[in-house]
């Protein structure tokens, strides 16, 4: 029979403890955490209407720019993460072939779980009141006509505007003298000048006294 001395028993117990500790350490190995799921991204877009030419530039969140040259669908190429907010604005409206003002509807929100495609951009051609200036007039009797139908009687010198008439940018126009005051002759000349904010000043009419024969 094998005999164990106090020293050998102590050594055996230490070996058993060391072995158990090693087993516990081997069992506590923590696996790596799972990879996070990919972030969903979606694009932002919509449609443009009323556009006759180039010059419209849209902007997404004050940074990404998108030139648009035709009516129909548009999409910003850079996608946004799910949960992101978006705002689409007009950076510049068209100026050729006509000047326009473009507005955005449904232009902001938060991306949930789908592509944004309901943004509506509508462009409207700018229009102006039509007028000019008269000088040398003395008394009543001057009647002018716009595009062969809109008549305006003028009784004093200075600026005039055809009431209730607005012309779209790029429109053709013709101003003529329909009636001239008695004993006066009036001459009409076109004005080559840029419009102010709301009025096209298109003609200058100078009247003078008729010379006696």
N, C-alpha and C. Protein backbone atom coordinates (compact mmCIF):
# COMPACT_ATOMS: atom_id res chain seq x y z
N UNK A 1 0.86 -1.19 0.00
CA UNK A 1 0.00 0.00 0.00
C UNK A 1 0.89 1.23 0.00
N UNK A 2 0.51 2.22 -0.88
CA UNK A 2 1.30 3.46 -0.96
C UNK A 2 0.99 4.36 0.23
N UNK A 3 1.99 4.83 0.81
CA UNK A 3 1.83 5.70 1.97
C UNK A 3 2.12 7.13 1.57
N UNK A 4 1.31 8.08 2.09
CA UNK A 4 1.51 9.51 1.82
C UNK A 4 1.94 10.22 3.08
N UNK A 5 3.02 10.89 2.97
CA UNK A 5 3.48 11.73 4.07
C UNK A 5 2.76 13.04 4.01
N UNK A 6 2.80 13.81 5.11
CA UNK A 6 2.16 15.14 5.09
C UNK A 6 2.64 16.00 3.93
N UNK A 7 3.94 15.88 3.58
CA UNK A 7 4.49 16.71 2.49
C UNK A 7 3.91 16.28 1.15
N UNK A 8 3.83 14.95 0.93
CA UNK A 8 3.30 14.48 -0.35
C UNK A 8 1.82 14.80 -0.50
N UNK A 9 1.06 14.72 0.61
CA UNK A 9 -0.36 15.06 0.53
C UNK A 9 -0.56 16.54 0.18
N UNK A 10 0.26 17.39 0.73
CA UNK A 10 0.17 18.83 0.42
C UNK A 10 0.47 19.10 -1.04
N UNK A 11 1.47 18.38 -1.57
CA UNK A 11 1.82 18.56 -2.98
C UNK A 11 0.69 18.09 -3.88
N UNK A 12 0.06 16.98 -3.49
CA UNK A 12 -1.05 16.46 -4.28
C UNK A 12 -2.22 17.42 -4.29
N UNK A 13 -2.55 17.98 -3.14
CA UNK A 13 -3.65 18.95 -3.06
C UNK A 13 -3.37 20.19 -3.92
N UNK A 14 -2.13 20.65 -3.89
CA UNK A 14 -1.77 21.82 -4.69
C UNK A 14 -1.92 21.54 -6.17
N UNK A 15 -1.53 20.30 -6.58
CA UNK A 15 -1.66 19.94 -7.99
C UNK A 15 -3.11 19.89 -8.40
N UNK A 16 -3.98 19.34 -7.51
CA UNK A 16 -5.40 19.29 -7.82
C UNK A 16 -5.99 20.70 -7.95
N UNK A 17 -5.63 21.58 -7.05
CA UNK A 17 -6.14 22.97 -7.09
C UNK A 17 -5.69 23.67 -8.36
N UNK A 18 -4.43 23.47 -8.72
CA UNK A 18 -3.89 24.11 -9.92
C UNK A 18 -4.61 23.60 -11.16
N UNK A 19 -4.87 22.29 -11.18
CA UNK A 19 -5.58 21.71 -12.31
C UNK A 19 -6.99 22.23 -12.44
N UNK A 20 -7.71 22.35 -11.31
CA UNK A 20 -9.06 22.88 -11.35
C UNK A 20 -9.09 24.34 -11.82
N UNK A 21 -8.12 25.12 -11.33
CA UNK A 21 -8.04 26.52 -11.74
C UNK A 21 -7.82 26.65 -13.24
N UNK A 22 -6.95 25.76 -13.76
CA UNK A 22 -6.69 25.78 -15.20
C UNK A 22 -7.93 25.44 -15.99
N UNK A 23 -8.72 24.47 -15.50
CA UNK A 23 -9.96 24.11 -16.18
C UNK A 23 -10.95 25.26 -16.19
N UNK A 24 -11.07 25.96 -15.04
CA UNK A 24 -12.01 27.08 -14.95
C UNK A 24 -11.62 28.20 -15.90
N UNK A 25 -10.28 28.46 -15.96
CA UNK A 25 -9.82 29.52 -16.86
C UNK A 25 -10.14 29.16 -18.32
N UNK A 26 -9.99 27.88 -18.66
CA UNK A 26 -10.27 27.46 -20.03
C UNK A 26 -11.75 27.59 -20.38
N UNK A 27 -12.61 27.45 -19.37
CA UNK A 27 -14.04 27.50 -19.63
C UNK A 27 -14.58 28.94 -19.70
N UNK A 28 -13.86 29.92 -19.23
CA UNK A 28 -14.36 31.30 -19.15
C UNK A 28 -13.98 32.10 -20.41
N UNK A 29 -13.55 31.52 -21.44
CA UNK A 29 -13.20 32.26 -22.67
C UNK A 29 -14.46 32.90 -23.26
N UNK A 30 -14.46 34.26 -23.40
CA UNK A 30 -15.61 35.01 -23.92
C UNK A 30 -15.54 35.13 -25.44
N UNK A 31 -16.60 34.72 -26.15
CA UNK A 31 -16.57 34.83 -27.62
C UNK A 31 -16.65 36.29 -28.05
N UNK A 32 -16.14 36.66 -29.23
CA UNK A 32 -16.22 38.05 -29.71
C UNK A 32 -17.66 38.45 -29.95
N UNK A 33 -17.98 39.75 -29.75
CA UNK A 33 -19.36 40.21 -29.98
C UNK A 33 -19.71 40.10 -31.46
N UNK A 34 -20.98 39.90 -31.77
CA UNK A 34 -21.39 39.80 -33.18
C UNK A 34 -21.22 41.13 -33.90
N UNK A 35 -20.95 41.08 -35.17
CA UNK A 35 -20.80 42.30 -35.97
C UNK A 35 -22.12 43.06 -36.01
N UNK A 36 -22.07 44.41 -35.91
CA UNK A 36 -23.31 45.19 -35.96
C UNK A 36 -23.98 45.05 -37.32
N UNK A 37 -25.30 45.12 -37.38
CA UNK A 37 -25.99 45.01 -38.68
C UNK A 37 -25.65 46.21 -39.56
N UNK A 38 -25.64 46.06 -40.86
CA UNK A 38 -25.34 47.19 -41.76
C UNK A 38 -26.38 48.30 -41.62
N UNK A 39 -25.91 49.55 -41.75
CA UNK A 39 -26.81 50.71 -41.64
C UNK A 39 -27.59 50.86 -42.95
N UNK A 40 -28.89 50.95 -42.86
CA UNK A 40 -29.73 51.13 -44.04
C UNK A 40 -29.61 52.56 -44.56
N UNK A 41 -29.47 52.73 -45.85
CA UNK A 41 -29.39 54.05 -46.46
C UNK A 41 -30.46 54.16 -47.55
N UNK A 42 -30.92 55.40 -47.75
CA UNK A 42 -31.97 55.65 -48.74
C UNK A 42 -31.68 56.97 -49.45
N UNK A 43 -32.12 57.07 -50.71
CA UNK A 43 -31.90 58.28 -51.49
C UNK A 43 -33.11 59.21 -51.40
N UNK A 44 -32.86 60.48 -51.71
CA UNK A 44 -33.87 61.53 -51.62
C UNK A 44 -34.12 62.09 -53.02
N UNK A 45 -35.40 62.19 -53.41
CA UNK A 45 -35.71 62.72 -54.73
C UNK A 45 -37.17 63.13 -54.84
N UNK A 46 -37.60 63.40 -56.06
CA UNK A 46 -38.96 63.85 -56.31
C UNK A 46 -39.14 64.18 -57.77
N UNK A 47 -39.90 65.22 -58.06
CA UNK A 47 -40.18 65.59 -59.45
C UNK A 47 -40.18 67.10 -59.62
N UNK A 48 -39.88 67.54 -60.85
CA UNK A 48 -39.86 68.96 -61.23
C UNK A 48 -40.88 69.18 -62.33
N UNK A 49 -41.62 70.29 -62.25
CA UNK A 49 -42.57 70.65 -63.30
C UNK A 49 -42.46 72.14 -63.61
N UNK A 50 -42.87 72.51 -64.83
CA UNK A 50 -42.88 73.91 -65.25
C UNK A 50 -41.56 74.46 -65.70
N UNK A 51 -40.56 73.59 -65.88
CA UNK A 51 -39.21 74.05 -66.22
C UNK A 51 -39.02 74.09 -67.74
N UNK A 52 -38.69 75.27 -68.32
CA UNK A 52 -38.51 75.34 -69.77
C UNK A 52 -37.06 75.21 -70.22
N UNK A 53 -36.11 75.31 -69.30
CA UNK A 53 -34.70 75.29 -69.69
C UNK A 53 -33.79 75.02 -68.52
N UNK A 54 -32.54 75.43 -68.66
CA UNK A 54 -31.53 75.17 -67.64
C UNK A 54 -31.49 76.27 -66.59
N UNK A 55 -30.72 76.00 -65.54
CA UNK A 55 -30.49 77.02 -64.51
C UNK A 55 -30.97 76.66 -63.14
N UNK A 56 -31.82 75.63 -63.02
CA UNK A 56 -32.32 75.23 -61.71
C UNK A 56 -31.26 74.38 -61.00
N UNK A 57 -30.93 74.76 -59.77
CA UNK A 57 -30.01 73.99 -58.94
C UNK A 57 -30.68 73.74 -57.59
N UNK A 58 -30.83 72.47 -57.23
CA UNK A 58 -31.40 72.09 -55.95
C UNK A 58 -30.27 71.75 -54.99
N UNK A 59 -30.59 71.83 -53.69
CA UNK A 59 -29.59 71.58 -52.67
C UNK A 59 -30.18 70.71 -51.56
N UNK A 60 -29.42 69.71 -51.11
CA UNK A 60 -29.85 68.80 -50.06
C UNK A 60 -29.06 69.09 -48.79
N UNK A 61 -29.80 69.44 -47.72
CA UNK A 61 -29.19 69.71 -46.42
C UNK A 61 -28.09 70.75 -46.49
N UNK A 62 -28.29 71.73 -47.36
CA UNK A 62 -27.36 72.86 -47.44
C UNK A 62 -26.00 72.54 -48.00
N UNK A 63 -25.82 71.32 -48.58
CA UNK A 63 -24.49 70.94 -49.05
C UNK A 63 -24.52 70.32 -50.44
N UNK A 64 -25.19 69.19 -50.60
CA UNK A 64 -25.17 68.47 -51.87
C UNK A 64 -26.01 69.20 -52.91
N UNK A 65 -25.39 69.55 -54.04
CA UNK A 65 -26.07 70.30 -55.10
C UNK A 65 -26.42 69.38 -56.27
N UNK A 66 -27.56 69.68 -56.90
CA UNK A 66 -28.02 68.89 -58.04
C UNK A 66 -28.58 69.82 -59.11
N UNK A 67 -27.86 70.02 -60.24
CA UNK A 67 -28.43 70.78 -61.35
C UNK A 67 -29.54 69.97 -62.03
N UNK A 68 -30.64 70.63 -62.37
CA UNK A 68 -31.77 69.97 -63.02
C UNK A 68 -32.10 70.74 -64.30
N UNK A 69 -32.13 70.04 -65.43
CA UNK A 69 -32.36 70.71 -66.70
C UNK A 69 -33.63 70.31 -67.42
N UNK A 70 -34.38 69.36 -66.87
CA UNK A 70 -35.61 68.90 -67.53
C UNK A 70 -36.68 68.62 -66.49
N UNK A 71 -37.92 68.66 -66.94
CA UNK A 71 -39.03 68.26 -66.08
C UNK A 71 -38.98 66.75 -65.85
N UNK A 72 -39.61 66.31 -64.76
CA UNK A 72 -39.65 64.89 -64.47
C UNK A 72 -38.95 64.57 -63.15
N UNK A 73 -38.51 63.32 -63.02
CA UNK A 73 -37.94 62.85 -61.77
C UNK A 73 -36.50 63.33 -61.57
N UNK A 74 -36.14 63.53 -60.31
CA UNK A 74 -34.75 63.82 -59.94
C UNK A 74 -34.42 63.03 -58.67
N UNK A 75 -33.14 62.69 -58.50
CA UNK A 75 -32.66 61.97 -57.31
C UNK A 75 -31.28 62.49 -56.95
N UNK A 76 -31.07 62.84 -55.70
CA UNK A 76 -29.74 63.19 -55.23
C UNK A 76 -28.90 61.92 -55.18
N UNK A 77 -27.70 61.92 -55.75
CA UNK A 77 -26.91 60.68 -55.82
C UNK A 77 -26.43 60.16 -54.47
N UNK A 78 -26.21 61.03 -53.50
CA UNK A 78 -25.68 60.59 -52.21
C UNK A 78 -26.81 60.13 -51.30
N UNK A 79 -26.80 58.85 -50.85
CA UNK A 79 -27.86 58.37 -49.95
C UNK A 79 -27.66 58.88 -48.53
N UNK A 80 -28.73 58.86 -47.75
CA UNK A 80 -28.69 59.25 -46.34
C UNK A 80 -29.05 58.05 -45.48
N UNK A 81 -28.50 58.04 -44.26
CA UNK A 81 -28.77 56.94 -43.33
C UNK A 81 -30.22 56.98 -42.83
N UNK A 82 -30.74 55.82 -42.55
CA UNK A 82 -32.06 55.72 -41.93
C UNK A 82 -32.07 56.53 -40.64
N UNK A 83 -33.13 57.31 -40.43
CA UNK A 83 -33.22 58.18 -39.26
C UNK A 83 -32.70 59.58 -39.47
N UNK A 84 -32.04 59.82 -40.62
CA UNK A 84 -31.52 61.15 -40.90
C UNK A 84 -32.64 62.11 -41.29
N UNK A 85 -32.44 63.37 -40.98
CA UNK A 85 -33.36 64.40 -41.45
C UNK A 85 -32.87 64.92 -42.80
N UNK A 86 -33.79 65.44 -43.61
CA UNK A 86 -33.41 65.98 -44.91
C UNK A 86 -34.20 67.25 -45.17
N UNK A 87 -33.56 68.17 -45.90
CA UNK A 87 -34.20 69.40 -46.34
C UNK A 87 -33.72 69.72 -47.75
N UNK A 88 -34.65 69.83 -48.67
CA UNK A 88 -34.32 70.17 -50.06
C UNK A 88 -34.76 71.61 -50.32
N UNK A 89 -33.86 72.42 -50.84
CA UNK A 89 -34.14 73.83 -51.13
C UNK A 89 -33.69 74.16 -52.55
N UNK A 90 -34.14 75.32 -53.04
CA UNK A 90 -33.71 75.83 -54.34
C UNK A 90 -32.52 76.75 -54.11
N UNK A 91 -31.37 76.36 -54.64
CA UNK A 91 -30.20 77.23 -54.53
C UNK A 91 -30.25 78.34 -55.57
N UNK A 92 -30.64 77.99 -56.80
CA UNK A 92 -30.78 79.01 -57.84
C UNK A 92 -31.90 78.63 -58.78
N UNK A 93 -32.71 79.62 -59.15
CA UNK A 93 -33.81 79.42 -60.09
C UNK A 93 -33.35 79.75 -61.50
N UNK A 94 -34.05 79.23 -62.52
CA UNK A 94 -33.63 79.47 -63.91
C UNK A 94 -33.69 80.96 -64.28
N UNK A 95 -32.78 81.35 -65.15
CA UNK A 95 -32.78 82.71 -65.71
C UNK A 95 -32.83 82.69 -67.23
N UNK A 96 -32.66 81.53 -67.84
CA UNK A 96 -32.70 81.42 -69.30
C UNK A 96 -33.39 80.11 -69.68
N UNK A 97 -34.18 80.09 -70.73
CA UNK A 97 -34.48 81.21 -71.63
C UNK A 97 -35.39 82.27 -71.03
N UNK A 98 -36.01 81.97 -69.88
CA UNK A 98 -36.83 82.97 -69.18
C UNK A 98 -36.49 82.92 -67.71
N UNK A 99 -36.79 84.02 -67.04
CA UNK A 99 -36.57 84.08 -65.60
C UNK A 99 -37.74 83.41 -64.88
N UNK A 100 -37.42 82.56 -63.91
CA UNK A 100 -38.45 81.83 -63.18
C UNK A 100 -38.21 81.87 -61.68
N UNK A 101 -39.30 81.58 -60.95
CA UNK A 101 -39.21 81.35 -59.51
C UNK A 101 -39.66 79.91 -59.25
N UNK A 102 -38.83 79.15 -58.56
CA UNK A 102 -39.14 77.74 -58.28
C UNK A 102 -39.33 77.55 -56.77
N UNK A 103 -40.35 76.79 -56.40
CA UNK A 103 -40.65 76.53 -55.00
C UNK A 103 -40.68 75.03 -54.75
N UNK A 104 -40.44 74.65 -53.48
CA UNK A 104 -40.37 73.24 -53.09
C UNK A 104 -41.51 72.91 -52.14
N UNK A 105 -42.24 71.83 -52.43
CA UNK A 105 -43.26 71.31 -51.53
C UNK A 105 -42.83 69.94 -51.02
N UNK A 106 -43.18 69.63 -49.77
CA UNK A 106 -42.80 68.37 -49.12
C UNK A 106 -41.28 68.23 -49.12
N UNK A 107 -40.58 69.33 -48.86
CA UNK A 107 -39.13 69.33 -49.00
C UNK A 107 -38.33 68.94 -47.79
N UNK A 108 -38.96 68.61 -46.67
CA UNK A 108 -38.18 68.24 -45.48
C UNK A 108 -38.90 67.14 -44.71
N UNK A 109 -38.12 66.40 -43.92
CA UNK A 109 -38.67 65.32 -43.12
C UNK A 109 -37.57 64.45 -42.56
N UNK A 110 -37.94 63.24 -42.13
CA UNK A 110 -37.00 62.26 -41.57
C UNK A 110 -37.13 60.96 -42.34
N UNK A 111 -35.98 60.38 -42.70
CA UNK A 111 -35.99 59.12 -43.44
C UNK A 111 -36.32 57.98 -42.47
N UNK A 112 -37.37 57.22 -42.78
CA UNK A 112 -37.77 56.10 -41.91
C UNK A 112 -37.27 54.78 -42.49
N UNK A 113 -37.94 54.25 -43.47
CA UNK A 113 -37.53 52.95 -44.01
C UNK A 113 -37.81 52.85 -45.50
N UNK A 114 -37.73 53.98 -46.20
CA UNK A 114 -38.02 53.94 -47.64
C UNK A 114 -37.37 55.14 -48.32
N UNK A 115 -37.16 55.01 -49.63
CA UNK A 115 -36.65 56.11 -50.44
C UNK A 115 -37.65 57.26 -50.44
N UNK A 116 -37.14 58.49 -50.40
CA UNK A 116 -38.00 59.68 -50.45
C UNK A 116 -38.17 60.07 -51.91
N UNK A 117 -39.41 60.06 -52.40
CA UNK A 117 -39.63 60.41 -53.81
C UNK A 117 -40.84 61.31 -54.02
N UNK A 118 -41.30 61.98 -52.94
CA UNK A 118 -42.51 62.80 -53.07
C UNK A 118 -42.23 64.30 -53.01
N UNK A 119 -40.98 64.70 -53.15
CA UNK A 119 -40.66 66.13 -53.15
C UNK A 119 -41.10 66.73 -54.48
N UNK A 120 -41.84 67.82 -54.43
CA UNK A 120 -42.38 68.45 -55.65
C UNK A 120 -41.79 69.85 -55.82
N UNK A 121 -41.09 70.06 -56.92
CA UNK A 121 -40.52 71.37 -57.25
C UNK A 121 -41.31 71.94 -58.42
N UNK A 122 -41.90 73.12 -58.21
CA UNK A 122 -42.71 73.76 -59.24
C UNK A 122 -42.08 75.08 -59.65
N UNK A 123 -41.88 75.27 -60.94
CA UNK A 123 -41.27 76.49 -61.46
C UNK A 123 -42.31 77.31 -62.22
N UNK A 124 -42.35 78.60 -61.95
CA UNK A 124 -43.32 79.51 -62.57
C UNK A 124 -42.54 80.67 -63.19
N UNK A 125 -42.85 80.98 -64.43
CA UNK A 125 -42.18 82.08 -65.12
C UNK A 125 -42.57 83.42 -64.51
N UNK A 126 -41.58 84.25 -64.27
CA UNK A 126 -41.83 85.57 -63.69
C UNK A 126 -42.65 86.42 -64.66
N UNK A 127 -43.54 87.25 -64.12
CA UNK A 127 -44.29 88.17 -64.96
C UNK A 127 -44.20 89.58 -64.40
N UNK A 128 -44.48 90.55 -65.26
CA UNK A 128 -44.26 91.95 -64.91
C UNK A 128 -45.43 92.81 -65.38
N UNK A 129 -45.65 93.88 -64.63
CA UNK A 129 -46.51 94.95 -65.13
C UNK A 129 -45.78 95.63 -66.29
N UNK A 130 -46.55 96.32 -67.14
CA UNK A 130 -45.98 96.91 -68.35
C UNK A 130 -46.25 98.41 -68.36
N UNK A 131 -45.21 99.16 -68.60
CA UNK A 131 -45.39 100.61 -68.58
C UNK A 131 -44.32 101.35 -69.34
N UNK A 132 -44.23 102.65 -69.09
CA UNK A 132 -43.25 103.50 -69.76
C UNK A 132 -43.35 104.92 -69.24
N UNK A 133 -42.99 105.88 -70.09
CA UNK A 133 -42.96 107.28 -69.66
C UNK A 133 -43.45 108.17 -70.80
N UNK A 134 -44.20 109.24 -70.41
CA UNK A 134 -44.70 110.22 -71.37
C UNK A 134 -44.13 111.59 -71.03
N UNK A 135 -43.78 112.34 -72.07
CA UNK A 135 -43.31 113.72 -71.87
C UNK A 135 -43.91 114.62 -72.95
N UNK A 136 -43.99 115.92 -72.66
CA UNK A 136 -44.47 116.89 -73.63
C UNK A 136 -45.98 116.90 -73.80
N UNK A 137 -46.71 116.23 -72.92
CA UNK A 137 -48.17 116.15 -73.07
C UNK A 137 -48.83 117.39 -72.47
N UNK A 138 -49.85 117.88 -73.15
CA UNK A 138 -50.60 119.02 -72.66
C UNK A 138 -52.08 118.76 -72.88
N UNK A 139 -52.75 118.32 -71.84
CA UNK A 139 -54.17 118.05 -71.95
C UNK A 139 -54.45 116.59 -72.27
N UNK A 140 -55.74 116.30 -72.47
CA UNK A 140 -56.20 114.94 -72.72
C UNK A 140 -56.13 114.58 -74.19
N UNK A 141 -56.40 113.31 -74.45
CA UNK A 141 -56.52 112.88 -75.84
C UNK A 141 -55.54 111.81 -76.27
N UNK A 142 -54.52 111.54 -75.48
CA UNK A 142 -53.56 110.50 -75.86
C UNK A 142 -54.09 109.14 -75.41
N UNK A 143 -54.18 108.21 -76.37
CA UNK A 143 -54.59 106.83 -76.06
C UNK A 143 -53.56 105.90 -76.69
N UNK A 144 -53.01 105.01 -75.88
CA UNK A 144 -52.05 104.03 -76.39
C UNK A 144 -52.63 102.63 -76.24
N UNK A 145 -52.02 101.69 -76.94
CA UNK A 145 -52.56 100.34 -76.99
C UNK A 145 -51.42 99.32 -76.88
N UNK A 146 -51.67 98.27 -76.08
CA UNK A 146 -50.69 97.20 -75.89
C UNK A 146 -51.17 95.93 -76.59
N UNK A 147 -50.35 95.43 -77.48
CA UNK A 147 -50.64 94.17 -78.20
C UNK A 147 -52.00 94.20 -78.90
N UNK A 148 -52.38 95.38 -79.37
CA UNK A 148 -53.58 95.51 -80.19
C UNK A 148 -54.89 95.42 -79.45
N UNK A 149 -54.88 95.37 -78.10
CA UNK A 149 -56.17 95.23 -77.41
C UNK A 149 -56.26 96.02 -76.10
N UNK A 150 -55.22 96.05 -75.30
CA UNK A 150 -55.28 96.75 -74.01
C UNK A 150 -55.03 98.23 -74.23
N UNK A 151 -56.07 99.06 -73.98
CA UNK A 151 -55.97 100.50 -74.21
C UNK A 151 -55.77 101.25 -72.90
N UNK A 152 -55.06 102.37 -73.01
CA UNK A 152 -54.81 103.22 -71.85
C UNK A 152 -54.85 104.68 -72.28
N UNK A 153 -55.76 105.46 -71.67
CA UNK A 153 -55.82 106.91 -71.91
C UNK A 153 -54.88 107.59 -70.92
N UNK A 154 -54.01 108.44 -71.42
CA UNK A 154 -53.02 109.12 -70.58
C UNK A 154 -53.30 110.62 -70.63
N UNK A 155 -53.32 111.25 -69.44
CA UNK A 155 -53.68 112.66 -69.36
C UNK A 155 -52.57 113.53 -68.79
N UNK A 156 -51.48 112.93 -68.36
CA UNK A 156 -50.41 113.75 -67.78
C UNK A 156 -49.06 113.12 -68.07
N UNK A 157 -48.04 113.94 -67.96
CA UNK A 157 -46.68 113.47 -68.17
C UNK A 157 -46.22 112.60 -67.00
N UNK A 158 -45.19 111.80 -67.27
CA UNK A 158 -44.64 110.96 -66.22
C UNK A 158 -44.79 109.48 -66.54
N UNK A 159 -44.61 108.67 -65.53
CA UNK A 159 -44.68 107.22 -65.72
C UNK A 159 -46.12 106.75 -65.87
N UNK A 160 -46.31 105.69 -66.63
CA UNK A 160 -47.63 105.08 -66.75
C UNK A 160 -47.47 103.55 -66.70
N UNK A 161 -48.57 102.87 -66.34
CA UNK A 161 -48.61 101.41 -66.33
C UNK A 161 -49.96 100.97 -66.88
N UNK A 162 -49.96 99.98 -67.75
CA UNK A 162 -51.21 99.41 -68.22
C UNK A 162 -51.89 98.66 -67.07
N UNK A 163 -53.10 99.08 -66.66
CA UNK A 163 -53.74 98.45 -65.52
C UNK A 163 -54.23 97.03 -65.84
N UNK A 164 -54.05 96.13 -64.89
CA UNK A 164 -54.56 94.77 -65.03
C UNK A 164 -53.85 93.91 -66.04
N UNK A 165 -52.67 94.34 -66.49
CA UNK A 165 -51.94 93.58 -67.50
C UNK A 165 -50.57 93.18 -66.94
N UNK A 166 -50.23 91.90 -67.11
CA UNK A 166 -48.90 91.43 -66.75
C UNK A 166 -48.41 90.52 -67.88
N UNK A 167 -47.15 90.70 -68.23
CA UNK A 167 -46.55 89.89 -69.28
C UNK A 167 -45.50 88.96 -68.68
N UNK A 168 -45.55 87.71 -69.13
CA UNK A 168 -44.53 86.75 -68.68
C UNK A 168 -43.18 87.11 -69.27
N UNK A 169 -42.13 86.83 -68.53
CA UNK A 169 -40.77 87.07 -69.02
C UNK A 169 -40.57 86.33 -70.34
N UNK A 170 -40.03 87.02 -71.32
CA UNK A 170 -39.83 86.42 -72.64
C UNK A 170 -40.97 86.63 -73.61
N UNK A 171 -42.06 87.26 -73.16
CA UNK A 171 -43.21 87.47 -74.05
C UNK A 171 -42.92 88.56 -75.08
N UNK A 172 -43.58 88.44 -76.24
CA UNK A 172 -43.54 89.50 -77.24
C UNK A 172 -44.52 90.60 -76.84
N UNK A 173 -44.21 91.83 -77.21
CA UNK A 173 -45.12 92.93 -76.91
C UNK A 173 -45.00 94.00 -77.99
N UNK A 174 -46.07 94.77 -78.10
CA UNK A 174 -46.09 95.87 -79.06
C UNK A 174 -46.95 96.99 -78.49
N UNK A 175 -46.39 98.17 -78.40
CA UNK A 175 -47.12 99.35 -77.91
C UNK A 175 -47.27 100.32 -79.08
N UNK A 176 -48.49 100.79 -79.27
CA UNK A 176 -48.77 101.72 -80.38
C UNK A 176 -49.63 102.87 -79.88
N UNK A 177 -49.57 103.98 -80.59
CA UNK A 177 -50.42 105.13 -80.28
C UNK A 177 -51.71 104.99 -81.08
N UNK A 178 -52.83 104.92 -80.38
CA UNK A 178 -54.13 104.79 -81.05
C UNK A 178 -54.74 106.15 -81.35
N UNK A 179 -54.61 107.10 -80.39
CA UNK A 179 -55.14 108.45 -80.59
C UNK A 179 -54.11 109.45 -80.09
N UNK A 180 -54.04 110.57 -80.80
CA UNK A 180 -53.11 111.63 -80.42
C UNK A 180 -53.91 112.88 -80.04
N UNK A 181 -53.50 113.62 -79.01
CA UNK A 181 -54.23 114.84 -78.63
C UNK A 181 -54.28 115.85 -79.79
N UNK A 182 -55.32 116.65 -79.78
CA UNK A 182 -55.47 117.67 -80.83
C UNK A 182 -54.29 118.64 -80.78
N UNK A 183 -53.84 119.00 -81.96
CA UNK A 183 -52.75 119.96 -82.11
C UNK A 183 -51.42 119.47 -81.53
N UNK A 184 -51.30 118.14 -81.30
CA UNK A 184 -50.04 117.59 -80.80
C UNK A 184 -49.62 116.44 -81.71
N UNK A 185 -48.35 116.23 -81.75
CA UNK A 185 -47.83 115.03 -82.41
C UNK A 185 -47.00 114.27 -81.37
N UNK A 186 -47.13 112.95 -81.39
CA UNK A 186 -46.46 112.13 -80.39
C UNK A 186 -45.65 111.04 -81.08
N UNK A 187 -44.49 110.79 -80.59
CA UNK A 187 -43.60 109.78 -81.14
C UNK A 187 -43.26 108.76 -80.06
N UNK A 188 -43.31 107.51 -80.46
CA UNK A 188 -43.06 106.45 -79.50
C UNK A 188 -41.72 105.80 -79.79
N UNK A 189 -40.93 105.55 -78.75
CA UNK A 189 -39.62 104.94 -78.89
C UNK A 189 -39.48 103.82 -77.85
N UNK A 190 -38.88 102.69 -78.23
CA UNK A 190 -38.65 101.64 -77.25
C UNK A 190 -37.56 102.04 -76.26
N UNK A 191 -37.65 101.51 -75.08
CA UNK A 191 -36.63 101.73 -74.05
C UNK A 191 -35.87 100.44 -73.85
N UNK A 192 -34.57 100.53 -73.96
CA UNK A 192 -33.72 99.36 -73.70
C UNK A 192 -33.20 99.47 -72.28
N UNK A 193 -34.00 98.95 -71.36
CA UNK A 193 -33.63 99.04 -69.95
C UNK A 193 -34.09 97.78 -69.23
N UNK A 194 -33.34 97.38 -68.23
CA UNK A 194 -33.72 96.21 -67.44
C UNK A 194 -34.94 96.54 -66.60
N UNK A 195 -35.81 95.56 -66.36
CA UNK A 195 -36.99 95.82 -65.52
C UNK A 195 -36.60 96.02 -64.08
N UNK A 196 -37.44 96.76 -63.37
CA UNK A 196 -37.25 96.81 -61.93
C UNK A 196 -37.88 95.55 -61.35
N UNK A 197 -38.15 95.55 -60.06
CA UNK A 197 -38.67 94.34 -59.43
C UNK A 197 -39.98 93.86 -60.03
N UNK A 198 -40.81 94.81 -60.47
CA UNK A 198 -42.16 94.37 -60.87
C UNK A 198 -42.64 94.96 -62.18
N UNK A 199 -41.91 95.89 -62.79
CA UNK A 199 -42.44 96.58 -63.96
C UNK A 199 -41.43 96.61 -65.10
N UNK A 200 -41.94 96.31 -66.30
CA UNK A 200 -41.16 96.48 -67.52
C UNK A 200 -41.43 97.88 -68.07
N UNK A 201 -40.43 98.72 -68.06
CA UNK A 201 -40.57 100.05 -68.66
C UNK A 201 -40.12 99.93 -70.11
N UNK A 202 -41.09 99.81 -71.03
CA UNK A 202 -40.73 99.39 -72.38
C UNK A 202 -40.78 100.48 -73.44
N UNK A 203 -41.48 101.59 -73.17
CA UNK A 203 -41.55 102.63 -74.21
C UNK A 203 -41.45 104.03 -73.58
N UNK A 204 -40.99 104.94 -74.43
CA UNK A 204 -41.00 106.36 -74.09
C UNK A 204 -41.80 107.09 -75.17
N UNK A 205 -42.75 107.92 -74.72
CA UNK A 205 -43.60 108.66 -75.66
C UNK A 205 -43.34 110.15 -75.48
N UNK A 206 -42.88 110.77 -76.53
CA UNK A 206 -42.59 112.20 -76.50
C UNK A 206 -43.58 112.93 -77.39
N UNK A 207 -44.30 113.89 -76.79
CA UNK A 207 -45.28 114.69 -77.54
C UNK A 207 -44.80 116.14 -77.66
N UNK A 208 -45.19 116.75 -78.75
CA UNK A 208 -44.83 118.15 -78.97
C UNK A 208 -45.94 118.83 -79.78
N UNK A 209 -45.94 120.14 -79.79
CA UNK A 209 -46.95 120.91 -80.51
C UNK A 209 -46.73 120.80 -82.01
N UNK A 210 -47.82 120.63 -82.74
CA UNK A 210 -47.72 120.57 -84.19
C UNK A 210 -47.35 121.94 -84.73
N UNK A 211 -46.51 121.97 -85.74
CA UNK A 211 -46.17 123.21 -86.38
C UNK A 211 -47.26 123.61 -87.39
N UNK A 212 -47.61 124.89 -87.40
CA UNK A 212 -48.60 125.36 -88.35
C UNK A 212 -47.98 125.47 -89.74
N UNK A 213 -48.75 125.07 -90.70
CA UNK A 213 -48.27 125.16 -92.07
C UNK A 213 -48.55 126.54 -92.63
